[in-house]
Amino acid sequence: MADKSRRAFMGKVLAGTAGVATVASLYAMKRTWDPLPSVVSAGFTTVDLSPLEAGKLSVIKWRGKPIFLLKHTDDVSPDDSRDIVTQDGRYTVVIGLCTHLGCIPEWRESESIFHCACHGGQYDIHAKQTFGPPPRPLDIPPFAIKGSSIVLGEEGPEYKKMTTQA
């Protein structure tokens, strides 16, 4: 009789230990799948475009990626499909990673092109590929226009219009 109660006790201890281990494992998996606080806080970034100088590239970091901000000069022909228009002017705002292999292109102000040194890819001032192996233009991050600022990470009507045209 004592043997059966001992066996039942050992079974309950094993079941309890397995239950605690299962809960601990599920908690650890959930923590692993949750985004890091630094990523969550970088989800939406507001950028004031008004202080940018025409023709000068400005680079910010958003979600760990370089974002190219370029205010157009008066002599640049408009491209309504890719330009971001605010009350202060026209801008190219793109993720600064080459669409071929992910290298970071450089802005050549004298030629008004983005040049990727990895394989010679080139993009025009509107970030459309013009030469080399890149399969598509530089990607546009999700954005919403708020006056003379843009909010990166928020899909505004202007962004939705751009993505439906593409």
N, C-alpha and C. Protein backbone atom coordinates (compact mmCIF):
# COMPACT_ATOMS: atom_id res chain seq x y z
N MET A 1 0.82 -1.18 0.00
CA MET A 1 0.00 0.00 0.00
C MET A 1 0.86 1.25 0.00
N ALA A 2 1.93 1.23 0.80
CA ALA A 2 2.83 2.37 0.86
C ALA A 2 3.52 2.57 -0.48
N ASP A 3 3.71 1.48 -1.22
CA ASP A 3 4.37 1.56 -2.52
C ASP A 3 3.51 2.33 -3.52
N LYS A 4 2.18 2.14 -3.46
CA LYS A 4 1.29 2.84 -4.38
C LYS A 4 1.23 4.33 -4.06
N SER A 5 1.21 4.71 -2.82
CA SER A 5 1.16 6.13 -2.47
C SER A 5 2.48 6.82 -2.82
N ARG A 6 3.58 6.09 -2.69
CA ARG A 6 4.86 6.67 -3.08
C ARG A 6 4.90 6.89 -4.59
N ARG A 7 4.40 5.93 -5.34
CA ARG A 7 4.36 6.03 -6.80
C ARG A 7 3.45 7.21 -7.21
N ALA A 8 2.34 7.37 -6.59
CA ALA A 8 1.43 8.49 -6.89
C ALA A 8 2.09 9.82 -6.56
N PHE A 9 2.81 9.85 -5.41
CA PHE A 9 3.51 11.09 -5.04
C PHE A 9 4.57 11.44 -6.09
N MET A 10 5.35 10.45 -6.50
CA MET A 10 6.40 10.70 -7.51
C MET A 10 5.79 11.16 -8.84
N GLY A 11 4.65 10.61 -9.21
CA GLY A 11 3.96 11.03 -10.43
C GLY A 11 3.51 12.49 -10.33
N LYS A 12 2.99 12.87 -9.17
CA LYS A 12 2.55 14.27 -8.98
C LYS A 12 3.73 15.22 -9.01
N VAL A 13 4.86 14.83 -8.41
CA VAL A 13 6.07 15.67 -8.44
C VAL A 13 6.56 15.83 -9.87
N LEU A 14 6.57 14.75 -10.63
CA LEU A 14 7.00 14.81 -12.03
C LEU A 14 6.07 15.70 -12.85
N ALA A 15 4.77 15.54 -12.67
CA ALA A 15 3.81 16.36 -13.41
C ALA A 15 3.96 17.84 -13.03
N GLY A 16 4.14 18.12 -11.76
CA GLY A 16 4.33 19.51 -11.32
C GLY A 16 5.59 20.13 -11.89
N THR A 17 6.68 19.37 -11.88
CA THR A 17 7.95 19.85 -12.44
C THR A 17 7.81 20.10 -13.94
N ALA A 18 7.14 19.19 -14.65
CA ALA A 18 6.93 19.36 -16.08
C ALA A 18 6.06 20.59 -16.37
N GLY A 19 5.05 20.80 -15.55
CA GLY A 19 4.19 21.98 -15.72
C GLY A 19 4.94 23.27 -15.53
N VAL A 20 5.76 23.34 -14.47
CA VAL A 20 6.56 24.55 -14.21
C VAL A 20 7.56 24.78 -15.34
N ALA A 21 8.19 23.71 -15.82
CA ALA A 21 9.15 23.84 -16.92
C ALA A 21 8.46 24.31 -18.20
N THR A 22 7.25 23.81 -18.46
CA THR A 22 6.50 24.23 -19.65
C THR A 22 6.15 25.71 -19.58
N VAL A 23 5.66 26.16 -18.43
CA VAL A 23 5.32 27.58 -18.26
C VAL A 23 6.56 28.45 -18.42
N ALA A 24 7.67 28.04 -17.83
CA ALA A 24 8.91 28.81 -17.93
C ALA A 24 9.39 28.87 -19.39
N SER A 25 9.27 27.76 -20.11
CA SER A 25 9.68 27.75 -21.52
C SER A 25 8.80 28.65 -22.37
N LEU A 26 7.49 28.60 -22.15
CA LEU A 26 6.58 29.46 -22.91
C LEU A 26 6.85 30.94 -22.63
N TYR A 27 7.12 31.26 -21.37
CA TYR A 27 7.43 32.65 -21.01
C TYR A 27 8.72 33.10 -21.72
N ALA A 28 9.73 32.25 -21.72
CA ALA A 28 11.00 32.59 -22.38
C ALA A 28 10.80 32.77 -23.88
N MET A 29 9.98 31.91 -24.50
CA MET A 29 9.73 32.04 -25.94
C MET A 29 8.99 33.35 -26.24
N LYS A 30 8.01 33.70 -25.41
CA LYS A 30 7.29 34.94 -25.63
C LYS A 30 8.22 36.14 -25.52
N ARG A 31 9.11 36.14 -24.53
CA ARG A 31 10.07 37.23 -24.36
C ARG A 31 11.00 37.32 -25.57
N THR A 32 11.35 36.19 -26.15
CA THR A 32 12.22 36.17 -27.32
C THR A 32 11.50 36.75 -28.54
N TRP A 33 10.23 36.47 -28.68
CA TRP A 33 9.47 36.94 -29.84
C TRP A 33 9.08 38.40 -29.73
N ASP A 34 8.98 38.94 -28.54
CA ASP A 34 8.61 40.34 -28.38
C ASP A 34 9.72 41.24 -28.92
N PRO A 35 9.37 42.35 -29.58
CA PRO A 35 10.41 43.26 -30.05
C PRO A 35 11.12 43.92 -28.88
N LEU A 36 12.38 44.24 -29.09
CA LEU A 36 13.16 44.91 -28.05
C LEU A 36 12.60 46.31 -27.81
N PRO A 37 12.75 46.83 -26.61
CA PRO A 37 12.25 48.18 -26.33
C PRO A 37 12.86 49.24 -27.26
N SER A 38 14.12 49.04 -27.65
CA SER A 38 14.75 50.01 -28.55
C SER A 38 14.10 50.00 -29.92
N VAL A 39 13.61 48.84 -30.36
CA VAL A 39 12.94 48.74 -31.65
C VAL A 39 11.55 49.36 -31.56
N VAL A 40 10.85 49.10 -30.48
CA VAL A 40 9.52 49.66 -30.31
C VAL A 40 9.59 51.18 -30.27
N SER A 41 10.56 51.72 -29.54
CA SER A 41 10.67 53.18 -29.44
C SER A 41 11.09 53.81 -30.76
N ALA A 42 11.75 53.05 -31.62
CA ALA A 42 12.17 53.58 -32.91
C ALA A 42 11.12 53.36 -33.99
N GLY A 43 9.95 52.88 -33.60
CA GLY A 43 8.91 52.57 -34.56
C GLY A 43 8.44 53.79 -35.34
N PHE A 44 8.21 54.91 -34.64
CA PHE A 44 7.78 56.14 -35.28
C PHE A 44 8.80 57.23 -34.98
N THR A 45 9.28 57.87 -36.02
CA THR A 45 10.26 58.94 -35.86
C THR A 45 9.77 60.15 -36.63
N THR A 46 9.68 61.28 -35.95
CA THR A 46 9.26 62.52 -36.60
C THR A 46 10.51 63.29 -37.02
N VAL A 47 10.55 63.68 -38.28
CA VAL A 47 11.70 64.40 -38.83
C VAL A 47 11.21 65.73 -39.39
N ASP A 48 11.81 66.82 -38.91
CA ASP A 48 11.50 68.15 -39.44
C ASP A 48 12.36 68.37 -40.68
N LEU A 49 11.70 68.54 -41.83
CA LEU A 49 12.42 68.69 -43.09
C LEU A 49 12.81 70.14 -43.39
N SER A 50 12.24 71.10 -42.68
CA SER A 50 12.47 72.51 -43.02
C SER A 50 13.92 72.96 -42.90
N PRO A 51 14.74 72.44 -41.97
CA PRO A 51 16.13 72.94 -41.92
C PRO A 51 17.07 72.33 -42.97
N LEU A 52 16.60 71.39 -43.78
CA LEU A 52 17.48 70.77 -44.77
C LEU A 52 17.86 71.76 -45.86
N GLU A 53 19.12 71.68 -46.29
CA GLU A 53 19.60 72.53 -47.38
C GLU A 53 19.36 71.82 -48.72
N ALA A 54 18.97 72.58 -49.72
CA ALA A 54 18.71 72.02 -51.04
C ALA A 54 19.99 71.42 -51.63
N GLY A 55 19.89 70.20 -52.13
CA GLY A 55 21.02 69.53 -52.77
C GLY A 55 21.97 68.83 -51.83
N LYS A 56 21.82 69.01 -50.53
CA LYS A 56 22.71 68.39 -49.53
C LYS A 56 22.00 67.19 -48.92
N LEU A 57 22.66 66.04 -48.92
CA LEU A 57 22.08 64.83 -48.37
C LEU A 57 22.18 64.85 -46.86
N SER A 58 21.10 64.49 -46.22
CA SER A 58 21.07 64.32 -44.76
C SER A 58 20.69 62.87 -44.49
N VAL A 59 21.35 62.24 -43.53
CA VAL A 59 21.11 60.84 -43.23
C VAL A 59 20.71 60.70 -41.77
N ILE A 60 19.60 60.00 -41.53
CA ILE A 60 19.21 59.68 -40.16
C ILE A 60 19.09 58.17 -40.05
N LYS A 61 19.01 57.69 -38.83
CA LYS A 61 18.86 56.25 -38.61
C LYS A 61 17.44 55.99 -38.13
N TRP A 62 16.76 55.04 -38.77
CA TRP A 62 15.41 54.68 -38.40
C TRP A 62 15.30 53.16 -38.46
N ARG A 63 14.92 52.54 -37.36
CA ARG A 63 14.83 51.09 -37.26
C ARG A 63 16.11 50.39 -37.70
N GLY A 64 17.24 51.01 -37.39
CA GLY A 64 18.53 50.42 -37.71
C GLY A 64 18.96 50.58 -39.15
N LYS A 65 18.20 51.35 -39.94
CA LYS A 65 18.53 51.53 -41.36
C LYS A 65 18.81 53.01 -41.62
N PRO A 66 19.72 53.28 -42.58
CA PRO A 66 19.94 54.68 -42.94
C PRO A 66 18.79 55.20 -43.80
N ILE A 67 18.32 56.38 -43.48
CA ILE A 67 17.28 57.04 -44.27
C ILE A 67 17.91 58.26 -44.91
N PHE A 68 17.84 58.33 -46.25
CA PHE A 68 18.37 59.47 -46.99
C PHE A 68 17.29 60.53 -47.13
N LEU A 69 17.61 61.75 -46.74
CA LEU A 69 16.71 62.90 -46.88
C LEU A 69 17.40 63.90 -47.79
N LEU A 70 16.78 64.23 -48.90
CA LEU A 70 17.39 65.13 -49.87
C LEU A 70 16.35 66.13 -50.35
N LYS A 71 16.60 67.40 -50.06
CA LYS A 71 15.71 68.46 -50.55
C LYS A 71 16.14 68.81 -51.97
N HIS A 72 15.15 68.90 -52.86
CA HIS A 72 15.46 69.17 -54.27
C HIS A 72 15.74 70.66 -54.48
N THR A 73 16.64 70.92 -55.41
CA THR A 73 16.90 72.29 -55.83
C THR A 73 15.85 72.69 -56.85
N ASP A 74 15.79 73.97 -57.19
CA ASP A 74 14.78 74.46 -58.12
C ASP A 74 14.94 73.89 -59.54
N ASP A 75 16.16 73.49 -59.91
CA ASP A 75 16.39 73.02 -61.27
C ASP A 75 16.07 71.53 -61.46
N VAL A 76 15.65 70.83 -60.41
CA VAL A 76 15.32 69.40 -60.53
C VAL A 76 13.89 69.26 -61.04
N SER A 77 13.74 68.47 -62.10
CA SER A 77 12.39 68.26 -62.63
C SER A 77 11.59 67.40 -61.65
N PRO A 78 10.35 67.77 -61.41
CA PRO A 78 9.55 67.02 -60.43
C PRO A 78 9.20 65.63 -60.93
N ASP A 79 9.11 64.70 -59.99
CA ASP A 79 8.65 63.34 -60.27
C ASP A 79 7.54 63.06 -59.27
N ASP A 80 6.31 63.25 -59.71
CA ASP A 80 5.18 63.15 -58.80
C ASP A 80 5.00 61.76 -58.19
N SER A 81 5.56 60.74 -58.82
CA SER A 81 5.36 59.39 -58.30
C SER A 81 6.25 59.07 -57.11
N ARG A 82 7.41 59.75 -56.96
CA ARG A 82 8.35 59.41 -55.87
C ARG A 82 8.72 60.60 -54.99
N ASP A 83 8.36 61.81 -55.35
CA ASP A 83 8.72 62.97 -54.55
C ASP A 83 7.76 63.12 -53.37
N ILE A 84 8.31 63.53 -52.26
CA ILE A 84 7.49 63.88 -51.10
C ILE A 84 7.40 65.40 -51.08
N VAL A 85 6.19 65.91 -51.12
CA VAL A 85 5.96 67.34 -51.22
C VAL A 85 5.38 67.84 -49.90
N THR A 86 6.07 68.81 -49.29
CA THR A 86 5.57 69.46 -48.08
C THR A 86 5.44 70.94 -48.38
N GLN A 87 5.06 71.71 -47.37
CA GLN A 87 4.91 73.15 -47.57
C GLN A 87 6.25 73.83 -47.80
N ASP A 88 7.36 73.15 -47.49
CA ASP A 88 8.69 73.74 -47.66
C ASP A 88 9.42 73.31 -48.93
N GLY A 89 8.86 72.37 -49.69
CA GLY A 89 9.53 71.97 -50.92
C GLY A 89 9.32 70.50 -51.25
N ARG A 90 10.13 70.04 -52.24
CA ARG A 90 10.07 68.65 -52.70
C ARG A 90 11.29 67.91 -52.14
N TYR A 91 11.06 66.65 -51.77
CA TYR A 91 12.11 65.87 -51.13
C TYR A 91 12.14 64.46 -51.70
N THR A 92 13.33 63.88 -51.65
CA THR A 92 13.51 62.45 -51.84
C THR A 92 13.78 61.90 -50.45
N VAL A 93 12.95 60.96 -50.01
CA VAL A 93 13.13 60.30 -48.73
C VAL A 93 13.08 58.80 -49.01
N VAL A 94 14.23 58.14 -48.83
CA VAL A 94 14.33 56.71 -49.16
C VAL A 94 15.18 55.99 -48.12
N ILE A 95 15.01 54.68 -48.08
CA ILE A 95 15.88 53.84 -47.26
C ILE A 95 17.19 53.71 -48.01
N GLY A 96 18.28 54.08 -47.38
CA GLY A 96 19.58 54.14 -48.04
C GLY A 96 20.29 52.81 -48.15
N LEU A 97 19.61 51.80 -48.67
CA LEU A 97 20.21 50.49 -48.90
C LEU A 97 19.97 50.09 -50.34
N CYS A 98 21.04 49.77 -51.04
CA CYS A 98 20.93 49.37 -52.45
C CYS A 98 20.01 48.17 -52.56
N THR A 99 19.13 48.19 -53.54
CA THR A 99 18.17 47.10 -53.72
C THR A 99 18.80 45.87 -54.37
N HIS A 100 20.09 45.96 -54.71
CA HIS A 100 20.77 44.80 -55.29
C HIS A 100 21.26 43.87 -54.18
N LEU A 101 22.17 44.36 -53.34
CA LEU A 101 22.72 43.52 -52.27
C LEU A 101 22.73 44.22 -50.90
N GLY A 102 22.12 45.37 -50.78
CA GLY A 102 22.00 46.02 -49.48
C GLY A 102 23.16 46.90 -49.07
N CYS A 103 24.04 47.26 -49.99
CA CYS A 103 25.13 48.19 -49.67
C CYS A 103 24.53 49.60 -49.50
N ILE A 104 25.31 50.49 -48.91
CA ILE A 104 24.85 51.86 -48.72
C ILE A 104 25.43 52.74 -49.83
N PRO A 105 24.58 53.24 -50.73
CA PRO A 105 25.08 54.11 -51.80
C PRO A 105 25.55 55.46 -51.27
N GLU A 106 26.44 56.09 -52.02
CA GLU A 106 26.90 57.43 -51.65
C GLU A 106 26.20 58.45 -52.55
N TRP A 107 26.01 59.65 -52.02
CA TRP A 107 25.41 60.74 -52.79
C TRP A 107 26.52 61.51 -53.45
N ARG A 108 26.50 61.59 -54.76
CA ARG A 108 27.46 62.38 -55.52
C ARG A 108 26.75 63.66 -55.94
N GLU A 109 26.97 64.69 -55.16
CA GLU A 109 26.26 65.96 -55.38
C GLU A 109 26.57 66.56 -56.74
N SER A 110 27.83 66.47 -57.19
CA SER A 110 28.21 67.07 -58.47
C SER A 110 27.49 66.42 -59.65
N GLU A 111 27.16 65.13 -59.53
CA GLU A 111 26.47 64.42 -60.61
C GLU A 111 24.98 64.25 -60.34
N SER A 112 24.55 64.58 -59.15
CA SER A 112 23.15 64.40 -58.71
C SER A 112 22.70 62.94 -58.86
N ILE A 113 23.56 62.02 -58.37
CA ILE A 113 23.21 60.60 -58.40
C ILE A 113 23.61 59.95 -57.08
N PHE A 114 22.94 58.83 -56.78
CA PHE A 114 23.36 57.93 -55.72
C PHE A 114 24.15 56.84 -56.40
N HIS A 115 25.37 56.59 -55.93
CA HIS A 115 26.23 55.59 -56.56
C HIS A 115 26.57 54.51 -55.54
N CYS A 116 26.31 53.26 -55.90
CA CYS A 116 26.63 52.13 -55.04
C CYS A 116 27.97 51.55 -55.50
N ALA A 117 28.95 51.60 -54.63
CA ALA A 117 30.29 51.16 -54.99
C ALA A 117 30.42 49.64 -55.06
N CYS A 118 29.49 48.90 -54.49
CA CYS A 118 29.60 47.44 -54.47
C CYS A 118 29.65 46.84 -55.88
N HIS A 119 28.69 47.23 -56.72
CA HIS A 119 28.64 46.68 -58.08
C HIS A 119 28.34 47.74 -59.12
N GLY A 120 28.53 49.01 -58.78
CA GLY A 120 28.39 50.09 -59.75
C GLY A 120 26.98 50.54 -60.03
N GLY A 121 26.03 50.16 -59.21
CA GLY A 121 24.65 50.59 -59.42
C GLY A 121 24.50 52.09 -59.22
N GLN A 122 23.62 52.70 -60.00
CA GLN A 122 23.37 54.13 -59.88
C GLN A 122 21.87 54.40 -59.84
N TYR A 123 21.53 55.44 -59.07
CA TYR A 123 20.15 55.89 -58.94
C TYR A 123 20.13 57.39 -59.19
N ASP A 124 19.06 57.89 -59.81
CA ASP A 124 18.96 59.32 -60.04
C ASP A 124 18.52 60.04 -58.76
N ILE A 125 18.26 61.33 -58.85
CA ILE A 125 17.92 62.13 -57.68
C ILE A 125 16.58 61.71 -57.06
N HIS A 126 15.74 61.04 -57.84
CA HIS A 126 14.46 60.53 -57.33
C HIS A 126 14.60 59.11 -56.81
N ALA A 127 15.85 58.59 -56.77
CA ALA A 127 16.20 57.25 -56.27
C ALA A 127 15.71 56.13 -57.19
N LYS A 128 15.53 56.44 -58.47
CA LYS A 128 15.20 55.40 -59.45
C LYS A 128 16.50 54.86 -60.03
N GLN A 129 16.57 53.53 -60.23
CA GLN A 129 17.78 52.94 -60.76
C GLN A 129 17.98 53.38 -62.21
N THR A 130 19.21 53.77 -62.53
CA THR A 130 19.51 54.23 -63.88
C THR A 130 20.62 53.40 -64.54
N PHE A 131 21.40 52.67 -63.73
CA PHE A 131 22.51 51.91 -64.29
C PHE A 131 22.88 50.78 -63.33
N GLY A 132 23.32 49.68 -63.88
CA GLY A 132 23.86 48.61 -63.06
C GLY A 132 22.84 47.57 -62.66
N PRO A 133 23.21 46.73 -61.71
CA PRO A 133 22.38 45.58 -61.35
C PRO A 133 21.19 45.81 -60.43
N PRO A 134 20.99 46.98 -59.82
CA PRO A 134 19.83 47.09 -58.93
C PRO A 134 18.52 46.78 -59.66
N PRO A 135 17.69 45.91 -59.09
CA PRO A 135 16.46 45.50 -59.76
C PRO A 135 15.31 46.50 -59.66
N ARG A 136 15.39 47.44 -58.73
CA ARG A 136 14.28 48.40 -58.54
C ARG A 136 14.82 49.65 -57.88
N PRO A 137 14.01 50.70 -57.81
CA PRO A 137 14.44 51.93 -57.13
C PRO A 137 14.69 51.69 -55.65
N LEU A 138 15.36 52.65 -55.01
CA LEU A 138 15.53 52.58 -53.55
C LEU A 138 14.15 52.59 -52.91
N ASP A 139 14.01 51.85 -51.83
CA ASP A 139 12.72 51.71 -51.17
C ASP A 139 12.35 52.97 -50.40
N ILE A 140 11.07 53.29 -50.39
CA ILE A 140 10.55 54.44 -49.65
C ILE A 140 10.00 53.92 -48.33
N PRO A 141 10.43 54.48 -47.20
CA PRO A 141 9.89 54.01 -45.92
C PRO A 141 8.45 54.49 -45.75
N PRO A 142 7.65 53.81 -44.96
CA PRO A 142 6.31 54.31 -44.69
C PRO A 142 6.39 55.67 -43.99
N PHE A 143 5.56 56.60 -44.42
CA PHE A 143 5.62 57.96 -43.86
C PHE A 143 4.25 58.60 -43.89
N ALA A 144 4.12 59.65 -43.10
CA ALA A 144 2.95 60.51 -43.12
C ALA A 144 3.45 61.94 -43.02
N ILE A 145 2.87 62.83 -43.80
CA ILE A 145 3.29 64.23 -43.80
C ILE A 145 2.48 64.99 -42.75
N LYS A 146 3.18 65.73 -41.91
CA LYS A 146 2.56 66.57 -40.88
C LYS A 146 3.17 67.97 -41.00
N GLY A 147 2.58 68.82 -41.81
CA GLY A 147 3.12 70.17 -42.02
C GLY A 147 4.43 70.11 -42.77
N SER A 148 5.51 70.61 -42.13
CA SER A 148 6.83 70.56 -42.76
C SER A 148 7.65 69.38 -42.23
N SER A 149 6.99 68.46 -41.53
CA SER A 149 7.65 67.28 -40.98
C SER A 149 7.05 66.03 -41.59
N ILE A 150 7.80 64.94 -41.47
CA ILE A 150 7.25 63.64 -41.82
C ILE A 150 7.42 62.72 -40.62
N VAL A 151 6.50 61.79 -40.49
CA VAL A 151 6.57 60.78 -39.44
C VAL A 151 6.89 59.46 -40.11
N LEU A 152 8.11 58.96 -39.88
CA LEU A 152 8.52 57.68 -40.45
C LEU A 152 7.90 56.55 -39.65
N GLY A 153 7.39 55.56 -40.34
CA GLY A 153 6.76 54.42 -39.69
C GLY A 153 5.25 54.47 -39.72
N GLU A 154 4.69 55.62 -40.05
CA GLU A 154 3.24 55.77 -40.13
C GLU A 154 2.85 55.83 -41.60
N GLU A 155 1.85 55.05 -41.98
CA GLU A 155 1.43 55.02 -43.38
C GLU A 155 0.34 56.06 -43.63
N GLY A 156 0.75 57.23 -44.10
CA GLY A 156 -0.20 58.29 -44.42
C GLY A 156 -0.78 58.11 -45.81
N PRO A 157 -1.74 58.98 -46.18
CA PRO A 157 -2.37 58.85 -47.50
C PRO A 157 -1.39 59.04 -48.66
N GLU A 158 -0.38 59.88 -48.48
CA GLU A 158 0.60 60.09 -49.55
C GLU A 158 1.40 58.82 -49.80
N TYR A 159 1.79 58.14 -48.73
CA TYR A 159 2.53 56.89 -48.87
C TYR A 159 1.67 55.82 -49.53
N LYS A 160 0.42 55.72 -49.10
CA LYS A 160 -0.48 54.72 -49.69
C LYS A 160 -0.69 54.98 -51.17
N LYS A 161 -0.76 56.26 -51.55
CA LYS A 161 -0.91 56.62 -52.97
C LYS A 161 0.32 56.19 -53.76
N MET A 162 1.54 56.40 -53.17
CA MET A 162 2.78 55.99 -53.84
C MET A 162 2.85 54.48 -54.02
N THR A 163 2.44 53.73 -53.01
CA THR A 163 2.58 52.27 -53.09
C THR A 163 1.53 51.66 -54.00
N THR A 164 0.39 52.30 -54.18
CA THR A 164 -0.59 51.75 -55.12
C THR A 164 -0.21 52.04 -56.56
N GLN A 165 0.59 53.10 -56.79
CA GLN A 165 1.04 53.42 -58.15
C GLN A 165 2.14 52.48 -58.60
N ALA A 166 2.92 51.99 -57.64
CA ALA A 166 4.09 51.17 -57.99
C ALA A 166 3.74 49.82 -58.54
